């Protein structure tokens, strides 16, 4: 149970940091987080080899 509490604290700290970086604007913080996630997904897709994609293999979730 301690691990879950630690993860919750880390998540709270990350959210607080995102809001602080957005100057306290919650909508801007959410928008920035969504943009960053989109960028990360794009980078991950670019890193997947063409052969891996051609074979239709999908990473385990």
N, C-alpha and C. Protein backbone atom coordinates (compact mmCIF):
# COMPACT_ATOMS: atom_id res chain seq x y z
N UNK A 1 0.83 -1.20 0.00
CA UNK A 1 0.00 0.00 0.00
C UNK A 1 0.87 1.26 0.00
N UNK A 2 2.06 1.17 0.55
CA UNK A 2 2.96 2.32 0.59
C UNK A 2 3.38 2.73 -0.81
N UNK A 3 3.55 1.75 -1.70
CA UNK A 3 3.95 2.08 -3.07
C UNK A 3 2.87 2.90 -3.76
N UNK A 4 1.62 2.56 -3.54
CA UNK A 4 0.52 3.31 -4.14
C UNK A 4 0.51 4.75 -3.62
N UNK A 5 0.75 4.92 -2.34
CA UNK A 5 0.78 6.26 -1.75
C UNK A 5 1.94 7.06 -2.32
N UNK A 6 3.09 6.42 -2.49
CA UNK A 6 4.26 7.11 -3.05
C UNK A 6 3.98 7.53 -4.49
N UNK A 7 3.35 6.65 -5.27
CA UNK A 7 3.01 6.99 -6.66
C UNK A 7 2.01 8.14 -6.69
N UNK A 8 1.07 8.13 -5.76
CA UNK A 8 0.08 9.21 -5.68
C UNK A 8 0.77 10.54 -5.37
N UNK A 9 1.72 10.51 -4.44
CA UNK A 9 2.47 11.72 -4.10
C UNK A 9 3.28 12.22 -5.29
N UNK A 10 3.90 11.30 -6.03
CA UNK A 10 4.68 11.69 -7.21
C UNK A 10 3.77 12.30 -8.27
N UNK A 11 2.59 11.72 -8.45
CA UNK A 11 1.63 12.25 -9.42
C UNK A 11 1.17 13.64 -9.01
N UNK A 12 0.86 13.82 -7.73
CA UNK A 12 0.47 15.14 -7.24
C UNK A 12 1.56 16.17 -7.47
N UNK A 13 2.81 15.78 -7.24
CA UNK A 13 3.93 16.70 -7.44
C UNK A 13 4.07 17.06 -8.91
N UNK A 14 3.88 16.08 -9.80
CA UNK A 14 3.97 16.34 -11.24
C UNK A 14 2.85 17.29 -11.70
N UNK A 15 1.65 17.09 -11.16
CA UNK A 15 0.53 17.96 -11.50
C UNK A 15 0.79 19.37 -10.99
N UNK A 16 1.26 19.48 -9.76
CA UNK A 16 1.58 20.80 -9.20
C UNK A 16 2.62 21.52 -10.04
N UNK A 17 3.64 20.78 -10.49
CA UNK A 17 4.70 21.36 -11.33
C UNK A 17 4.14 21.84 -12.67
N UNK A 18 3.27 21.04 -13.29
CA UNK A 18 2.67 21.40 -14.57
C UNK A 18 1.84 22.68 -14.43
N UNK A 19 1.08 22.78 -13.35
CA UNK A 19 0.25 23.97 -13.12
C UNK A 19 1.14 25.18 -12.84
N UNK A 20 2.19 24.98 -12.07
CA UNK A 20 3.11 26.08 -11.76
C UNK A 20 3.78 26.59 -13.04
N UNK A 21 4.19 25.68 -13.91
CA UNK A 21 4.83 26.09 -15.16
C UNK A 21 3.87 26.84 -16.07
N UNK A 22 2.58 26.59 -15.90
CA UNK A 22 1.57 27.28 -16.70
C UNK A 22 1.08 28.54 -15.99
N UNK A 23 1.78 28.97 -14.97
CA UNK A 23 1.42 30.19 -14.26
C UNK A 23 0.11 30.08 -13.50
N UNK A 24 -0.26 28.86 -13.09
CA UNK A 24 -1.50 28.66 -12.35
C UNK A 24 -2.73 28.47 -13.22
N UNK A 25 -2.57 28.53 -14.52
CA UNK A 25 -3.69 28.37 -15.46
C UNK A 25 -3.92 26.88 -15.71
N UNK A 26 -5.01 26.34 -15.14
CA UNK A 26 -5.27 24.91 -15.25
C UNK A 26 -5.50 24.46 -16.68
N UNK A 27 -6.23 25.25 -17.45
CA UNK A 27 -6.48 24.88 -18.85
C UNK A 27 -5.18 24.85 -19.63
N UNK A 28 -4.31 25.81 -19.42
CA UNK A 28 -3.01 25.82 -20.11
C UNK A 28 -2.17 24.62 -19.68
N UNK A 29 -2.23 24.25 -18.42
CA UNK A 29 -1.47 23.10 -17.93
C UNK A 29 -1.95 21.82 -18.60
N UNK A 30 -3.26 21.65 -18.69
CA UNK A 30 -3.83 20.46 -19.35
C UNK A 30 -3.45 20.45 -20.82
N UNK A 31 -3.55 21.60 -21.46
CA UNK A 31 -3.21 21.72 -22.88
C UNK A 31 -1.73 21.36 -23.10
N UNK A 32 -0.84 21.87 -22.24
CA UNK A 32 0.59 21.56 -22.35
C UNK A 32 0.87 20.08 -22.15
N UNK A 33 0.21 19.48 -21.18
CA UNK A 33 0.40 18.05 -20.93
C UNK A 33 -0.09 17.22 -22.12
N UNK A 34 -1.22 17.59 -22.68
CA UNK A 34 -1.75 16.86 -23.85
C UNK A 34 -0.82 17.00 -25.04
N UNK A 35 -0.29 18.20 -25.25
CA UNK A 35 0.66 18.40 -26.36
C UNK A 35 1.90 17.55 -26.17
N UNK A 36 2.43 17.55 -24.96
CA UNK A 36 3.65 16.77 -24.69
C UNK A 36 3.40 15.29 -24.88
N UNK A 37 2.25 14.80 -24.46
CA UNK A 37 1.92 13.39 -24.66
C UNK A 37 1.84 13.06 -26.15
N UNK A 38 1.23 13.95 -26.91
CA UNK A 38 1.13 13.76 -28.35
C UNK A 38 2.53 13.70 -28.98
N UNK A 39 3.42 14.59 -28.56
CA UNK A 39 4.79 14.60 -29.07
C UNK A 39 5.50 13.29 -28.73
N UNK A 40 5.32 12.82 -27.51
CA UNK A 40 5.97 11.58 -27.09
C UNK A 40 5.45 10.39 -27.89
N UNK A 41 4.14 10.34 -28.14
CA UNK A 41 3.57 9.25 -28.93
C UNK A 41 4.11 9.29 -30.35
N UNK A 42 4.24 10.49 -30.92
CA UNK A 42 4.78 10.64 -32.27
C UNK A 42 6.22 10.13 -32.32
N UNK A 43 7.02 10.48 -31.33
CA UNK A 43 8.42 10.02 -31.28
C UNK A 43 8.49 8.51 -31.15
N UNK A 44 7.63 7.92 -30.34
CA UNK A 44 7.63 6.47 -30.18
C UNK A 44 7.24 5.78 -31.47
N UNK A 45 6.27 6.32 -32.19
CA UNK A 45 5.87 5.73 -33.45
C UNK A 45 7.00 5.81 -34.47
N UNK A 46 7.74 6.89 -34.46
CA UNK A 46 8.85 7.06 -35.39
C UNK A 46 9.98 6.09 -35.09
N UNK A 47 10.10 5.66 -33.83
CA UNK A 47 11.17 4.74 -33.43
C UNK A 47 10.88 3.29 -33.79
N UNK A 48 9.64 2.96 -34.12
CA UNK A 48 9.28 1.58 -34.45
C UNK A 48 9.80 1.28 -35.85
N UNK A 49 10.46 0.14 -36.00
CA UNK A 49 11.04 -0.21 -37.29
C UNK A 49 9.95 -0.48 -38.33
N UNK A 50 10.28 -0.22 -39.60
CA UNK A 50 9.33 -0.44 -40.69
C UNK A 50 8.98 -1.92 -40.79
N UNK A 51 9.93 -2.81 -40.59
CA UNK A 51 9.67 -4.25 -40.64
C UNK A 51 8.69 -4.68 -39.57
N UNK A 52 8.84 -4.10 -38.41
CA UNK A 52 7.93 -4.41 -37.31
C UNK A 52 6.51 -4.02 -37.69
N UNK A 53 6.35 -2.87 -38.32
CA UNK A 53 5.04 -2.38 -38.72
C UNK A 53 4.49 -3.21 -39.86
N UNK A 54 5.32 -3.55 -40.85
CA UNK A 54 4.86 -4.33 -42.02
C UNK A 54 4.31 -5.69 -41.61
N UNK A 55 4.93 -6.31 -40.62
CA UNK A 55 4.47 -7.62 -40.18
C UNK A 55 3.18 -7.53 -39.39
N UNK A 56 2.77 -6.34 -39.06
CA UNK A 56 1.52 -6.16 -38.33
C UNK A 56 1.61 -6.53 -36.86
N UNK A 57 2.81 -6.60 -36.35
CA UNK A 57 2.97 -6.92 -34.93
C UNK A 57 2.66 -5.68 -34.12
N UNK A 58 2.03 -5.90 -33.03
CA UNK A 58 1.71 -4.78 -32.13
C UNK A 58 2.35 -5.05 -30.78
N UNK A 59 2.87 -4.01 -30.15
CA UNK A 59 3.46 -4.19 -28.83
C UNK A 59 2.41 -4.62 -27.82
N UNK A 60 2.82 -5.42 -26.86
CA UNK A 60 1.92 -5.87 -25.80
C UNK A 60 1.55 -4.68 -24.93
N UNK A 61 0.34 -4.64 -24.49
CA UNK A 61 -0.12 -3.55 -23.61
C UNK A 61 -0.28 -4.02 -22.23
